[in-house]
C-alpha cells in the first residue's frame, strides 16, 4: 500500500513539474505566431493602425473613446484621426473636414525599416495633402504601435494603439 502511495505521489509531482513547461511552450508559440502575423502585415503594406490614446504636445494624454484609425494600403492611405493642439495658420475650425487629421491620399512615399529587435519604423509622406507633412509609425514585434504626425501648419501630435489586419469589405 505504501508503495502505491509513493508511486501516485511521484506521478503527481512529475505531472505538476511538466505542466508549467507545456504552458511556456504555448505562450512562446502564441508570441511567435503574433510576431509572424505582424511581420506579414508590415511587409504586405496592407494594415490598419487603431489609435487608443492621443498625446498632444501641449496637454495631457487622452483616451480615445471613438474609433480612430489610419488605413494603409498598397495604393491608398486613409487617415481618420482627431487633433488637439496649436494650429499656426489655415485653421480648419469653420470646415469640419479639416478639423482633424482626416484625408485620403493616393500619392505617398512609404519607407519600411525592420529593426534588429523585430520592431519596425514606417515613414509615410503624403504628397497630395496640404496639412500632413509626415507620419512616423513605430511598431513593436507584438503589434503595439506609436504614430507621430508632423504637420505643415499644426503642432506635432502622437497616438498610441495597435496594428491589425484591414477588415474585409462587406458585400
Protein backbone atom coordinates (compact mmCIF):
# COMPACT_ATOMS: atom_id res chain seq x y z
CA UNK A 1 0.00 0.00 0.00
CA UNK A 2 2.84 2.40 0.88
CA UNK A 3 4.47 1.64 -2.45
CA UNK A 4 1.26 2.56 -4.29
CA UNK A 5 1.02 5.86 -2.38
CA UNK A 6 4.67 6.63 -3.25
CA UNK A 7 4.04 5.88 -6.93
CA UNK A 8 0.92 8.10 -7.02
CA UNK A 9 2.74 10.87 -5.17
CA UNK A 10 5.68 10.64 -7.62
CA UNK A 11 3.30 10.80 -10.61
CA UNK A 12 1.57 13.89 -9.18
CA UNK A 13 4.94 15.61 -8.69
CA UNK A 14 6.05 14.69 -12.23
CA UNK A 15 2.83 15.93 -13.84
CA UNK A 16 2.91 19.21 -11.89
CA UNK A 17 6.55 19.74 -12.91
CA UNK A 18 5.80 19.15 -16.60
CA UNK A 19 2.68 21.36 -16.72
CA UNK A 20 4.46 24.78 -16.45
CA UNK A 21 6.84 23.73 -19.21
CA UNK A 22 3.91 23.00 -21.51
CA UNK A 23 2.35 26.35 -20.66
CA UNK A 24 5.59 28.12 -21.54
CA UNK A 25 5.66 26.39 -24.92
CA UNK A 26 2.09 27.51 -25.66
CA UNK A 27 2.96 31.07 -24.67
CA UNK A 28 6.09 31.04 -26.85
CA UNK A 29 4.07 29.62 -29.76
CA UNK A 30 1.45 32.39 -29.43
CA UNK A 31 4.19 35.03 -29.29
CA UNK A 32 5.91 33.62 -32.38
CA UNK A 33 2.60 33.48 -34.26
CA UNK A 34 1.84 37.12 -33.36
CA UNK A 35 5.32 38.23 -34.47
CA UNK A 36 4.90 36.38 -37.79
CA UNK A 37 1.47 37.98 -38.30
CA UNK A 38 2.85 41.50 -37.66
CA UNK A 39 5.79 40.87 -39.99
CA UNK A 40 3.44 39.69 -42.75
CA UNK A 41 1.15 42.71 -42.28
CA UNK A 42 4.02 45.20 -42.34
CA UNK A 43 5.63 43.68 -45.43
CA UNK A 44 2.33 43.39 -47.28
CA UNK A 45 1.70 47.12 -46.81
CA UNK A 46 -1.93 46.38 -46.01
CA UNK A 47 -2.91 47.01 -42.39
CA UNK A 48 -4.82 49.24 -40.00
CA UNK A 49 -3.42 51.33 -37.15
CA UNK A 50 -6.11 51.63 -34.45
CA UNK A 51 -5.49 54.62 -32.16
CA UNK A 52 -6.32 54.21 -28.47
CA UNK A 53 -4.55 57.20 -26.86
CA UNK A 54 -3.67 60.68 -28.06
CA UNK A 55 -0.70 62.71 -26.77
CA UNK A 56 -0.90 66.39 -27.80
CA UNK A 57 2.32 68.40 -27.42
CA UNK A 58 0.56 70.87 -25.14
CA UNK A 59 -1.78 68.97 -22.88
CA UNK A 60 -2.24 65.62 -21.29
CA UNK A 61 -2.79 62.13 -22.61
CA UNK A 62 -6.36 61.44 -23.65
CA UNK A 63 -8.08 58.09 -24.08
CA UNK A 64 -9.96 57.91 -27.38
CA UNK A 65 -13.48 56.59 -26.93
CA UNK A 66 -14.39 56.54 -30.62
CA UNK A 67 -12.84 54.54 -33.45
CA UNK A 68 -9.92 56.45 -34.93
CA UNK A 69 -7.52 54.82 -37.33
CA UNK A 70 -5.12 55.03 -40.25
CA UNK A 71 -5.64 52.51 -43.03
CA UNK A 72 -2.52 51.73 -45.05
CA UNK A 73 -3.00 50.02 -48.40
CA UNK A 74 -0.89 49.32 -51.46
CA UNK A 75 -2.09 52.44 -53.27
CA UNK A 76 -4.23 54.31 -50.72
CA UNK A 77 -3.68 55.89 -47.32
CA UNK A 78 -6.80 56.85 -45.33
CA UNK A 79 -6.39 58.81 -42.10
CA UNK A 80 -9.22 59.40 -39.66
CA UNK A 81 -7.66 60.87 -36.51
CA UNK A 82 -8.64 63.67 -34.14
CA UNK A 83 -6.45 66.72 -33.49
CA UNK A 84 -5.95 68.76 -30.34
CA UNK A 85 -3.17 71.27 -30.18
CA UNK A 86 -1.86 74.53 -31.54
CA UNK A 87 -2.72 75.47 -35.12
CA UNK A 88 -0.36 78.03 -36.62
CA UNK A 89 -2.30 79.10 -39.73
CA UNK A 90 -5.04 77.88 -42.08
CA UNK A 91 -7.07 76.52 -39.20
CA UNK A 92 -9.94 74.32 -40.26
CA UNK A 93 -12.31 75.40 -37.49
CA UNK A 94 -15.01 76.51 -39.94
CA UNK A 95 -14.59 73.45 -42.14
CA UNK A 96 -15.38 70.14 -40.36
CA UNK A 97 -13.43 68.14 -42.94
CA UNK A 98 -10.22 69.95 -41.89
CA UNK A 99 -10.70 69.88 -38.12
CA UNK A 100 -8.87 66.59 -37.52
CA UNK A 101 -6.21 64.67 -39.36
CA UNK A 102 -8.66 63.36 -41.93
CA UNK A 103 -7.62 62.71 -45.50
CA UNK A 104 -7.32 60.13 -48.25
CA UNK A 105 -4.07 60.01 -50.19
CA UNK A 106 -3.20 58.08 -53.32
CA UNK A 107 0.21 59.70 -53.77
CA UNK A 108 2.52 58.99 -50.84
CA UNK A 109 6.03 57.76 -50.11
CA UNK A 110 6.21 54.65 -47.91
CA UNK A 111 9.52 53.52 -46.40
CA UNK A 112 9.66 50.47 -44.12
CA UNK A 113 12.69 49.73 -41.93
CA UNK A 114 12.95 46.50 -39.95
CA UNK A 115 15.00 46.84 -36.75
CA UNK A 116 17.18 44.11 -35.25
CA UNK A 117 14.81 43.57 -32.30
CA UNK A 118 11.89 42.71 -34.60
CA UNK A 119 10.28 46.15 -34.48
CA UNK A 120 9.51 48.33 -37.50
CA UNK A 121 9.77 52.00 -38.42
CA UNK A 122 7.48 53.25 -41.19
CA UNK A 123 7.91 56.70 -42.74
CA UNK A 124 4.89 57.91 -44.70
CA UNK A 125 4.93 61.22 -46.62
CA UNK A 126 1.62 62.14 -48.29
CA UNK A 127 2.24 64.19 -51.42
CA UNK A 128 -1.37 65.18 -52.10
CA UNK A 129 -2.30 66.53 -48.65
CA UNK A 130 -1.56 70.13 -47.74
CA UNK A 131 -1.67 69.70 -43.95
CA UNK A 132 0.22 66.50 -43.14
CA UNK A 133 3.96 66.56 -43.84
CA UNK A 134 4.98 63.17 -42.46
CA UNK A 135 3.70 60.25 -40.38
CA UNK A 136 6.16 58.10 -38.46
CA UNK A 137 4.84 54.76 -37.29
CA UNK A 138 6.84 52.69 -34.80
CA UNK A 139 5.58 49.11 -34.46
CA UNK A 140 6.78 46.57 -31.90
CA UNK A 141 7.03 42.89 -32.74
CA UNK A 142 3.84 42.17 -30.77
CA UNK A 143 1.76 44.73 -32.69
CA UNK A 144 1.69 47.72 -30.33
CA UNK A 145 2.37 50.93 -32.20
CA UNK A 146 3.04 54.63 -31.85
CA UNK A 147 2.22 57.15 -34.59
CA UNK A 148 3.71 60.65 -34.73
CA UNK A 149 2.07 63.10 -37.12
CA UNK A 150 4.10 66.10 -38.26
CA UNK A 151 2.12 68.84 -39.93
CA UNK A 152 2.92 71.88 -42.03
CA UNK A 153 0.65 74.19 -40.04
CA UNK A 154 0.00 72.42 -36.74
CA UNK A 155 1.90 71.31 -33.70
CA UNK A 156 3.06 67.69 -33.78
CA UNK A 157 0.81 65.08 -32.14
CA UNK A 158 1.38 61.43 -31.20
CA UNK A 159 -1.00 58.48 -30.94
CA UNK A 160 -0.57 55.03 -29.45
CA UNK A 161 -2.50 51.93 -30.33
CA UNK A 162 -2.00 48.70 -32.20
CA UNK A 163 -1.69 47.23 -35.68
CA UNK A 164 -4.36 44.89 -37.01
CA UNK A 165 -5.44 43.33 -40.27
CA UNK A 166 -7.57 45.52 -42.52
CA UNK A 167 -11.18 44.32 -42.25
CA UNK A 168 -12.61 42.74 -45.37
CA UNK A 169 -15.24 44.75 -47.24
CA UNK A 170 -18.77 43.56 -46.59
CA UNK A 171 -20.80 42.67 -49.64
